[in-house]
C-alpha atoms as a PDB file:
ATOM      1  CA  UNK A   1       0.000   0.000   0.000  1.00  0.00           C
ATOM      2  CA  UNK A   2       2.871   2.399   0.813  1.00  0.00           C
ATOM      3  CA  UNK A   3       4.278   1.990  -2.695  1.00  0.00           C
ATOM      4  CA  UNK A   4       0.929   2.875  -4.283  1.00  0.00           C
ATOM      5  CA  UNK A   5       0.451   5.906  -2.034  1.00  0.00           C
ATOM      6  CA  UNK A   6       4.035   7.037  -2.691  1.00  0.00           C
ATOM      7  CA  UNK A   7       3.558   6.627  -6.437  1.00  0.00           C
ATOM      8  CA  UNK A   8       0.294   8.582  -6.340  1.00  0.00           C
ATOM      9  CA  UNK A   9       1.886  11.412  -4.315  1.00  0.00           C
ATOM     10  CA  UNK A  10       4.886  11.471  -6.652  1.00  0.00           C
ATOM     11  CA  UNK A  11       2.630  11.720  -9.692  1.00  0.00           C
ATOM     12  CA  UNK A  12       0.708  14.621  -8.127  1.00  0.00           C
ATOM     13  CA  UNK A  13       4.005  16.316  -7.233  1.00  0.00           C
ATOM     14  CA  UNK A  14       5.348  15.829 -10.774  1.00  0.00           C
ATOM     15  CA  UNK A  15       2.149  17.190 -12.326  1.00  0.00           C
ATOM     16  CA  UNK A  16       2.347  20.241 -10.071  1.00  0.00           C
ATOM     17  CA  UNK A  17       5.964  20.817 -11.068  1.00  0.00           C
ATOM     18  CA  UNK A  18       5.076  20.492 -14.752  1.00  0.00           C
ATOM     19  CA  UNK A  19       2.082  22.854 -14.503  1.00  0.00           C
ATOM     20  CA  UNK A  20       4.131  25.462 -12.652  1.00  0.00           C
ATOM     21  CA  UNK A  21       7.008  24.950 -15.149  1.00  0.00           C
ATOM     22  CA  UNK A  22       9.474  24.256 -12.335  1.00  0.00           C
ATOM     23  CA  UNK A  23      10.918  21.415 -14.421  1.00  0.00           C
ATOM     24  CA  UNK A  24      12.194  24.095 -16.799  1.00  0.00           C
ATOM     25  CA  UNK A  25      15.667  25.137 -15.594  1.00  0.00           C
ATOM     26  CA  UNK A  26      15.314  28.518 -17.330  1.00  0.00           C
ATOM     27  CA  UNK A  27      12.274  29.295 -15.183  1.00  0.00           C
ATOM     28  CA  UNK A  28      14.217  28.545 -12.001  1.00  0.00           C
ATOM     29  CA  UNK A  29      17.303  30.420 -13.172  1.00  0.00           C
ATOM     30  CA  UNK A  30      15.020  33.376 -14.013  1.00  0.00           C
ATOM     31  CA  UNK A  31      13.951  33.416 -10.365  1.00  0.00           C
ATOM     32  CA  UNK A  32      17.565  33.365  -9.192  1.00  0.00           C
ATOM     33  CA  UNK A  33      18.536  36.184 -11.588  1.00  0.00           C
ATOM     34  CA  UNK A  34      17.549  39.107  -9.344  1.00  0.00           C
ATOM     35  CA  UNK A  35      19.739  41.652 -11.143  1.00  0.00           C
ATOM     36  CA  UNK A  36      18.327  41.310 -14.661  1.00  0.00           C
ATOM     37  CA  UNK A  37      14.893  40.065 -15.712  1.00  0.00           C
ATOM     38  CA  UNK A  38      13.681  38.555 -12.450  1.00  0.00           C
ATOM     39  CA  UNK A  39      10.859  35.989 -12.673  1.00  0.00           C
ATOM     40  CA  UNK A  40       8.977  35.854  -9.331  1.00  0.00           C
ATOM     41  CA  UNK A  41       6.798  32.873 -10.307  1.00  0.00           C
ATOM     42  CA  UNK A  42       8.850  30.391  -8.249  1.00  0.00           C
ATOM     43  CA  UNK A  43       8.096  32.446  -5.129  1.00  0.00           C
ATOM     44  CA  UNK A  44       4.368  32.110  -5.869  1.00  0.00           C
ATOM     45  CA  UNK A  45       4.765  28.344  -6.262  1.00  0.00           C
ATOM     46  CA  UNK A  46       6.572  28.135  -2.899  1.00  0.00           C
ATOM     47  CA  UNK A  47       3.985  30.292  -1.126  1.00  0.00           C
ATOM     48  CA  UNK A  48       1.185  28.214  -2.660  1.00  0.00           C
ATOM     49  CA  UNK A  49       2.834  25.013  -1.453  1.00  0.00           C
ATOM     50  CA  UNK A  50       3.179  26.437   2.059  1.00  0.00           C
ATOM     51  CA  UNK A  51      -0.446  27.554   2.120  1.00  0.00           C
ATOM     52  CA  UNK A  52      -1.600  24.055   1.207  1.00  0.00           C
ATOM     53  CA  UNK A  53       0.862  22.003   3.280  1.00  0.00           C
ATOM     54  CA  UNK A  54       1.227  23.973   6.532  1.00  0.00           C
ATOM     55  CA  UNK A  55      -2.282  23.394   7.918  1.00  0.00           C
ATOM     56  CA  UNK A  56      -2.037  19.664   7.139  1.00  0.00           C
ATOM     57  CA  UNK A  57       1.409  19.416   8.738  1.00  0.00           C
ATOM     58  CA  UNK A  58       0.139  20.957  11.970  1.00  0.00           C
ATOM     59  CA  UNK A  59      -3.069  18.913  11.883  1.00  0.00           C
ATOM     60  CA  UNK A  60      -1.343  15.568  11.385  1.00  0.00           C
ATOM     61  CA  UNK A  61       1.773  16.046  13.522  1.00  0.00           C
ATOM     62  CA  UNK A  62      -0.319  15.484  16.648  1.00  0.00           C
ATOM     63  CA  UNK A  63      -1.302  11.999  15.417  1.00  0.00           C
ATOM     64  CA  UNK A  64       0.488   8.880  16.627  1.00  0.00           C
ATOM     65  CA  UNK A  65       1.629   8.089  13.095  1.00  0.00           C
ATOM     66  CA  UNK A  66       0.834   8.927   9.469  1.00  0.00           C
ATOM     67  CA  UNK A  67      -1.902   6.929   7.724  1.00  0.00           C
ATOM     68  CA  UNK A  68       0.453   4.787   5.648  1.00  0.00           C
ATOM     69  CA  UNK A  69       3.613   4.658   7.768  1.00  0.00           C
ATOM     70  CA  UNK A  70       4.777   2.926  10.927  1.00  0.00           C
ATOM     71  CA  UNK A  71       5.889   6.166  12.613  1.00  0.00           C
ATOM     72  CA  UNK A  72       6.668   9.818  12.030  1.00  0.00           C
ATOM     73  CA  UNK A  73      10.104  10.626  10.668  1.00  0.00           C
ATOM     74  CA  UNK A  74      10.349  14.238  11.807  1.00  0.00           C
ATOM     75  CA  UNK A  75      13.969  15.266  12.373  1.00  0.00           C
ATOM     76  CA  UNK A  76      14.772  16.555  15.817  1.00  0.00           C
ATOM     77  CA  UNK A  77      18.318  17.771  15.169  1.00  0.00           C
ATOM     78  CA  UNK A  78      18.693  21.471  15.891  1.00  0.00           C
ATOM     79  CA  UNK A  79      22.426  22.049  15.686  1.00  0.00           C
ATOM     80  CA  UNK A  80      24.175  23.330  12.600  1.00  0.00           C
ATOM     81  CA  UNK A  81      27.046  20.997  11.830  1.00  0.00           C
ATOM     82  CA  UNK A  82      29.606  20.523   9.066  1.00  0.00           C
ATOM     83  CA  UNK A  83      27.450  18.003   7.146  1.00  0.00           C
ATOM     84  CA  UNK A  84      24.501  20.422   7.072  1.00  0.00           C
ATOM     85  CA  UNK A  85      26.650  23.311   5.852  1.00  0.00           C
ATOM     86  CA  UNK A  86      28.416  21.272   3.144  1.00  0.00           C
ATOM     87  CA  UNK A  87      25.139  19.718   2.000  1.00  0.00           C
ATOM     88  CA  UNK A  88      23.456  23.120   1.828  1.00  0.00           C
ATOM     89  CA  UNK A  89      26.320  24.570  -0.192  1.00  0.00           C
ATOM     90  CA  UNK A  90      26.275  21.657  -2.653  1.00  0.00           C
ATOM     91  CA  UNK A  91      22.482  21.774  -2.990  1.00  0.00           C
ATOM     92  CA  UNK A  92      22.472  25.543  -3.526  1.00  0.00           C
ATOM     93  CA  UNK A  93      25.357  25.432  -5.974  1.00  0.00           C
ATOM     94  CA  UNK A  94      23.712  22.695  -8.035  1.00  0.00           C
ATOM     95  CA  UNK A  95      20.379  24.502  -7.998  1.00  0.00           C
ATOM     96  CA  UNK A  96      21.949  27.830  -8.893  1.00  0.00           C
ATOM     97  CA  UNK A  97      24.221  26.530 -11.634  1.00  0.00           C
ATOM     98  CA  UNK A  98      21.800  24.160 -13.329  1.00  0.00           C
ATOM     99  CA  UNK A  99      18.345  25.398 -12.309  1.00  0.00           C
ATOM    100  CA  UNK A 100      17.185  22.013 -11.029  1.00  0.00           C
ATOM    101  CA  UNK A 101      16.880  20.381  -7.651  1.00  0.00           C
ATOM    102  CA  UNK A 102      16.152  16.668  -7.097  1.00  0.00           C
ATOM    103  CA  UNK A 103      12.336  16.623  -7.396  1.00  0.00           C
ATOM    104  CA  UNK A 104      12.037  18.736 -10.539  1.00  0.00           C
ATOM    105  CA  UNK A 105      15.087  17.012 -12.040  1.00  0.00           C
ATOM    106  CA  UNK A 106      13.445  13.607 -11.748  1.00  0.00           C
ATOM    107  CA  UNK A 107      10.162  14.999 -13.108  1.00  0.00           C
ATOM    108  CA  UNK A 108      12.003  16.588 -16.034  1.00  0.00           C
ATOM    109  CA  UNK A 109      13.245  13.170 -17.161  1.00  0.00           C
ATOM    110  CA  UNK A 110       9.877  12.812 -18.914  1.00  0.00           C
ATOM    111  CA  UNK A 111      11.050  15.518 -21.346  1.00  0.00           C
ATOM    112  CA  UNK A 112      14.020  13.340 -22.389  1.00  0.00           C
ATOM    113  CA  UNK A 113      16.284  16.382 -22.180  1.00  0.00           C
ATOM    114  CA  UNK A 114      19.933  15.274 -22.205  1.00  0.00           C
ATOM    115  CA  UNK A 115      20.831  17.937 -19.614  1.00  0.00           C
ATOM    116  CA  UNK A 116      18.203  16.616 -17.207  1.00  0.00           C
ATOM    117  CA  UNK A 117      19.314  13.035 -17.766  1.00  0.00           C
ATOM    118  CA  UNK A 118      22.952  13.986 -17.110  1.00  0.00           C
ATOM    119  CA  UNK A 119      21.953  15.972 -14.012  1.00  0.00           C
ATOM    120  CA  UNK A 120      19.992  13.037 -12.541  1.00  0.00           C
ATOM    121  CA  UNK A 121      22.836  10.634 -13.333  1.00  0.00           C
ATOM    122  CA  UNK A 122      25.420  12.805 -11.559  1.00  0.00           C
ATOM    123  CA  UNK A 123      23.009  13.553  -8.730  1.00  0.00           C
ATOM    124  CA  UNK A 124      22.602   9.790  -8.222  1.00  0.00           C
ATOM    125  CA  UNK A 125      26.386   9.382  -8.254  1.00  0.00           C
ATOM    126  CA  UNK A 126      26.585  12.114  -5.605  1.00  0.00           C
ATOM    127  CA  UNK A 127      24.013  10.286  -3.462  1.00  0.00           C
ATOM    128  CA  UNK A 128      26.023   7.081  -3.826  1.00  0.00           C
ATOM    129  CA  UNK A 129      29.326   8.729  -2.888  1.00  0.00           C
ATOM    130  CA  UNK A 130      27.705  10.539   0.041  1.00  0.00           C
ATOM    131  CA  UNK A 131      26.248   7.247   1.314  1.00  0.00           C
ATOM    132  CA  UNK A 132      29.785   5.833   1.484  1.00  0.00           C
ATOM    133  CA  UNK A 133      30.899   8.725   3.710  1.00  0.00           C
ATOM    134  CA  UNK A 134      27.760   8.641   5.842  1.00  0.00           C
ATOM    135  CA  UNK A 135      28.430   5.295   7.548  1.00  0.00           C
END
């Protein structure tokens, strides 16, 4: 059941990314280009996502567990450490240089764009290498 629910949620997420054009790196890079022709549409997508998700997060966090999971996986770490800083820098650099982050990159594979395919390949390699250091 978890696989079906995860697939359904992923499809909805991918459709939302496609409708909002967040799978288009130029759209994302337009948002990051604050000194030229700035495109604020990504900010509207983020605000819309927060408006929809925040009430549900607060409503369901008081439950014993999610509907389709054994327990909640809410992080409780509050300290800023070296792994968080390095990860944030790598994520921001990848997002800023390429215009994609993991979710939209995977969704953009449907476009069969060679840049998206290369990005997801190297992102996967990065996940693999990071998993070797994270033991």
